[in-house]
């Protein structure tokens, strides 16, 4: 089982349940789900221009946007890679 947690770079990281338990045992602290900070999911749609997407990333301090009503996403790294391919 895996979980997705916010990381210090305004993105998300995957972590296994086993690793979470190991860390909790090491520090002797158990955190409840309600204490985990919630971060709103930022979305975009097919009408967004590249400029709109980048602006939204800056305004929301995130490196990833989710395409509305899908599981698809775009990250800043994908944008940079495509720019370098040109």
N, C-alpha and C. Protein backbone atom coordinates (compact mmCIF):
# COMPACT_ATOMS: atom_id res chain seq x y z
N UNK A 1 0.84 -1.16 0.00
CA UNK A 1 0.00 0.00 0.00
C UNK A 1 0.90 1.24 0.00
N UNK A 2 0.52 2.22 -0.78
CA UNK A 2 1.26 3.46 -0.86
C UNK A 2 0.36 4.63 -0.55
N UNK A 3 0.96 5.75 -0.20
CA UNK A 3 0.23 6.98 0.05
C UNK A 3 0.97 8.10 -0.65
N UNK A 4 0.27 9.15 -0.94
CA UNK A 4 0.89 10.32 -1.55
C UNK A 4 0.88 11.42 -0.50
N UNK A 5 2.06 12.00 -0.25
CA UNK A 5 2.17 13.05 0.75
C UNK A 5 2.79 14.29 0.14
N UNK A 6 2.45 15.48 0.65
CA UNK A 6 3.08 16.70 0.15
C UNK A 6 4.55 16.72 0.53
N UNK A 7 5.39 17.22 -0.39
CA UNK A 7 6.81 17.36 -0.07
C UNK A 7 7.16 18.84 0.02
N UNK A 8 8.35 19.19 0.46
CA UNK A 8 8.70 20.60 0.65
C UNK A 8 8.87 21.39 -0.64
N UNK A 9 8.72 20.74 -1.78
CA UNK A 9 8.91 21.41 -3.07
C UNK A 9 7.58 21.73 -3.74
N UNK A 10 6.51 21.81 -2.96
CA UNK A 10 5.15 22.09 -3.45
C UNK A 10 4.65 21.02 -4.39
N UNK A 11 5.14 19.82 -4.23
CA UNK A 11 4.69 18.68 -5.02
C UNK A 11 4.28 17.56 -4.09
N UNK A 12 4.24 16.37 -4.62
CA UNK A 12 3.84 15.21 -3.83
C UNK A 12 4.82 14.08 -4.03
N UNK A 13 4.95 13.23 -3.03
CA UNK A 13 5.83 12.06 -3.08
C UNK A 13 5.05 10.84 -2.64
N UNK A 14 5.42 9.68 -3.19
CA UNK A 14 4.80 8.43 -2.77
C UNK A 14 5.60 7.85 -1.61
N UNK A 15 4.88 7.27 -0.65
CA UNK A 15 5.53 6.64 0.49
C UNK A 15 4.71 5.40 0.85
N UNK A 16 5.40 4.33 1.19
CA UNK A 16 4.70 3.09 1.54
C UNK A 16 4.20 3.16 2.98
N UNK A 17 3.15 2.39 3.25
CA UNK A 17 2.60 2.32 4.60
C UNK A 17 3.65 1.77 5.56
N UNK A 18 4.44 0.81 5.10
CA UNK A 18 5.50 0.23 5.94
C UNK A 18 6.51 1.31 6.34
N UNK A 19 6.91 2.14 5.39
CA UNK A 19 7.89 3.20 5.67
C UNK A 19 7.30 4.21 6.65
N UNK A 20 6.03 4.53 6.50
CA UNK A 20 5.38 5.47 7.42
C UNK A 20 5.39 4.91 8.84
N UNK A 21 5.11 3.62 8.98
CA UNK A 21 5.13 3.00 10.30
C UNK A 21 6.54 2.96 10.88
N UNK A 22 7.54 2.67 10.04
CA UNK A 22 8.94 2.66 10.51
C UNK A 22 9.34 4.03 11.05
N UNK A 23 8.97 5.07 10.34
CA UNK A 23 9.32 6.43 10.77
C UNK A 23 8.59 6.77 12.07
N UNK A 24 7.31 6.42 12.17
CA UNK A 24 6.54 6.70 13.39
C UNK A 24 7.16 5.99 14.59
N UNK A 25 7.58 4.75 14.39
CA UNK A 25 8.20 3.99 15.49
C UNK A 25 9.53 4.62 15.89
N UNK A 26 10.32 5.05 14.90
CA UNK A 26 11.62 5.67 15.19
C UNK A 26 11.46 6.92 16.05
N UNK A 27 10.46 7.74 15.72
CA UNK A 27 10.29 9.00 16.43
C UNK A 27 9.31 8.91 17.58
N UNK A 28 8.68 7.75 17.75
CA UNK A 28 7.77 7.55 18.87
C UNK A 28 6.55 8.44 18.82
N UNK A 29 6.20 8.91 17.63
CA UNK A 29 5.07 9.82 17.49
C UNK A 29 4.11 9.26 16.45
N UNK A 30 2.89 9.18 16.80
CA UNK A 30 1.88 8.70 15.85
C UNK A 30 1.00 9.89 15.50
N UNK A 31 0.85 10.13 14.22
CA UNK A 31 0.04 11.26 13.75
C UNK A 31 -1.27 10.71 13.20
N UNK A 32 -2.34 11.39 13.49
CA UNK A 32 -3.63 10.97 12.97
C UNK A 32 -3.84 11.58 11.58
N UNK A 33 -4.70 10.95 10.82
CA UNK A 33 -4.96 11.42 9.46
C UNK A 33 -5.48 12.86 9.49
N UNK A 34 -6.26 13.20 10.47
CA UNK A 34 -6.83 14.55 10.54
C UNK A 34 -5.77 15.63 10.75
N UNK A 35 -4.59 15.25 11.23
CA UNK A 35 -3.52 16.23 11.45
C UNK A 35 -2.65 16.44 10.22
N UNK A 36 -2.82 15.61 9.20
CA UNK A 36 -2.02 15.77 7.97
C UNK A 36 -2.55 16.98 7.23
N UNK A 37 -1.67 17.92 6.85
CA UNK A 37 -2.15 19.12 6.16
C UNK A 37 -2.80 18.76 4.83
N UNK A 38 -3.88 19.44 4.55
CA UNK A 38 -4.59 19.20 3.30
C UNK A 38 -4.18 20.24 2.26
N UNK A 39 -3.92 19.77 1.07
CA UNK A 39 -3.57 20.68 -0.01
C UNK A 39 -4.59 20.50 -1.12
N UNK A 40 -5.12 21.58 -1.56
CA UNK A 40 -6.14 21.56 -2.59
C UNK A 40 -5.53 21.11 -3.91
N UNK A 41 -6.27 20.31 -4.68
CA UNK A 41 -5.80 19.84 -5.98
C UNK A 41 -6.11 20.91 -7.02
N UNK A 42 -5.09 21.33 -7.74
CA UNK A 42 -5.23 22.37 -8.76
C UNK A 42 -5.43 21.70 -10.11
N UNK A 43 -6.46 22.13 -10.83
CA UNK A 43 -6.77 21.51 -12.12
C UNK A 43 -6.65 22.51 -13.26
N UNK A 44 -6.64 21.96 -14.47
CA UNK A 44 -6.71 22.77 -15.69
C UNK A 44 -7.60 22.03 -16.67
N UNK A 45 -7.98 22.72 -17.76
CA UNK A 45 -8.79 22.05 -18.77
C UNK A 45 -8.16 22.24 -20.15
N UNK A 46 -8.78 21.65 -21.15
CA UNK A 46 -8.21 21.67 -22.51
C UNK A 46 -8.17 23.06 -23.13
N UNK A 47 -8.88 24.01 -22.55
CA UNK A 47 -8.88 25.37 -23.10
C UNK A 47 -7.71 26.21 -22.58
N UNK A 48 -6.98 25.71 -21.60
CA UNK A 48 -5.85 26.44 -21.05
C UNK A 48 -4.71 26.51 -22.07
N UNK A 49 -4.11 27.66 -22.18
CA UNK A 49 -2.92 27.82 -23.01
C UNK A 49 -1.71 27.45 -22.15
N UNK A 50 -0.55 27.22 -22.78
CA UNK A 50 0.65 26.98 -21.97
C UNK A 50 0.91 28.11 -20.96
N UNK A 51 0.64 29.34 -21.38
CA UNK A 51 0.83 30.48 -20.48
C UNK A 51 -0.12 30.37 -19.29
N UNK A 52 -1.38 29.99 -19.54
CA UNK A 52 -2.36 29.82 -18.45
C UNK A 52 -1.90 28.76 -17.46
N UNK A 53 -1.36 27.67 -17.99
CA UNK A 53 -0.91 26.56 -17.14
C UNK A 53 0.25 27.01 -16.26
N UNK A 54 1.23 27.66 -16.85
CA UNK A 54 2.40 28.11 -16.09
C UNK A 54 2.00 29.16 -15.07
N UNK A 55 1.12 30.08 -15.46
CA UNK A 55 0.65 31.11 -14.54
C UNK A 55 -0.07 30.47 -13.35
N UNK A 56 -0.90 29.48 -13.63
CA UNK A 56 -1.62 28.79 -12.55
C UNK A 56 -0.64 28.09 -11.61
N UNK A 57 0.41 27.50 -12.15
CA UNK A 57 1.42 26.85 -11.31
C UNK A 57 2.07 27.86 -10.37
N UNK A 58 2.43 29.02 -10.90
CA UNK A 58 3.06 30.04 -10.05
C UNK A 58 2.08 30.58 -9.01
N UNK A 59 0.86 30.89 -9.43
CA UNK A 59 -0.13 31.46 -8.51
C UNK A 59 -0.46 30.50 -7.37
N UNK A 60 -0.51 29.20 -7.68
CA UNK A 60 -0.88 28.21 -6.68
C UNK A 60 0.32 27.53 -6.03
N UNK A 61 1.51 27.97 -6.39
CA UNK A 61 2.75 27.42 -5.83
C UNK A 61 2.78 25.90 -5.91
N UNK A 62 2.55 25.39 -7.11
CA UNK A 62 2.56 23.95 -7.32
C UNK A 62 3.35 23.63 -8.58
N UNK A 63 3.84 22.43 -8.67
CA UNK A 63 4.61 22.01 -9.83
C UNK A 63 3.83 21.04 -10.71
N UNK A 64 2.57 20.75 -10.29
CA UNK A 64 1.77 19.78 -11.04
C UNK A 64 0.32 20.25 -11.08
N UNK A 65 -0.31 20.12 -12.25
CA UNK A 65 -1.73 20.40 -12.41
C UNK A 65 -2.40 19.14 -12.96
N UNK A 66 -3.61 18.88 -12.50
CA UNK A 66 -4.38 17.72 -12.93
C UNK A 66 -5.39 18.17 -13.99
N UNK A 67 -5.49 17.39 -15.08
CA UNK A 67 -6.49 17.68 -16.11
C UNK A 67 -7.87 17.34 -15.55
N UNK A 68 -8.79 18.30 -15.62
CA UNK A 68 -10.12 18.13 -15.03
C UNK A 68 -10.78 16.82 -15.46
N UNK A 69 -11.39 16.16 -14.50
CA UNK A 69 -12.18 14.93 -14.71
C UNK A 69 -11.37 13.77 -15.28
N UNK A 70 -10.06 13.77 -15.06
CA UNK A 70 -9.20 12.68 -15.52
C UNK A 70 -8.15 12.41 -14.45
N UNK A 71 -7.32 11.42 -14.71
CA UNK A 71 -6.17 11.18 -13.84
C UNK A 71 -4.89 11.67 -14.50
N UNK A 72 -5.02 12.35 -15.65
CA UNK A 72 -3.85 12.89 -16.36
C UNK A 72 -3.37 14.17 -15.68
N UNK A 73 -2.09 14.45 -15.84
CA UNK A 73 -1.53 15.65 -15.22
C UNK A 73 -0.41 16.20 -16.09
N UNK A 74 0.00 17.42 -15.75
CA UNK A 74 1.17 18.02 -16.38
C UNK A 74 2.04 18.59 -15.27
N UNK A 75 3.33 18.41 -15.42
CA UNK A 75 4.29 18.92 -14.45
C UNK A 75 5.20 19.93 -15.12
N UNK A 76 5.81 20.78 -14.31
CA UNK A 76 6.74 21.77 -14.85
C UNK A 76 7.88 21.11 -15.62
N UNK A 77 8.29 19.96 -15.17
CA UNK A 77 9.39 19.25 -15.82
C UNK A 77 9.01 18.81 -17.24
N UNK A 78 7.76 18.39 -17.42
CA UNK A 78 7.28 18.00 -18.76
C UNK A 78 7.32 19.20 -19.69
N UNK A 79 6.91 20.35 -19.20
CA UNK A 79 6.92 21.58 -20.01
C UNK A 79 8.35 21.92 -20.42
N UNK A 80 9.26 21.87 -19.48
CA UNK A 80 10.67 22.19 -19.77
C UNK A 80 11.25 21.22 -20.78
N UNK A 81 10.97 19.92 -20.62
CA UNK A 81 11.47 18.92 -21.57
C UNK A 81 10.97 19.20 -22.97
N UNK A 82 9.69 19.57 -23.11
CA UNK A 82 9.13 19.85 -24.43
C UNK A 82 9.76 21.11 -25.03
N UNK A 83 10.03 22.09 -24.21
CA UNK A 83 10.68 23.30 -24.71
C UNK A 83 12.09 23.01 -25.23
N UNK A 84 12.78 22.14 -24.53
CA UNK A 84 14.15 21.80 -24.94
C UNK A 84 14.18 20.95 -26.20
N UNK A 85 13.11 20.21 -26.48
CA UNK A 85 13.03 19.40 -27.69
C UNK A 85 12.86 20.26 -28.94
N UNK A 86 12.33 21.45 -28.78
CA UNK A 86 12.06 22.33 -29.93
C UNK A 86 13.31 22.82 -30.60
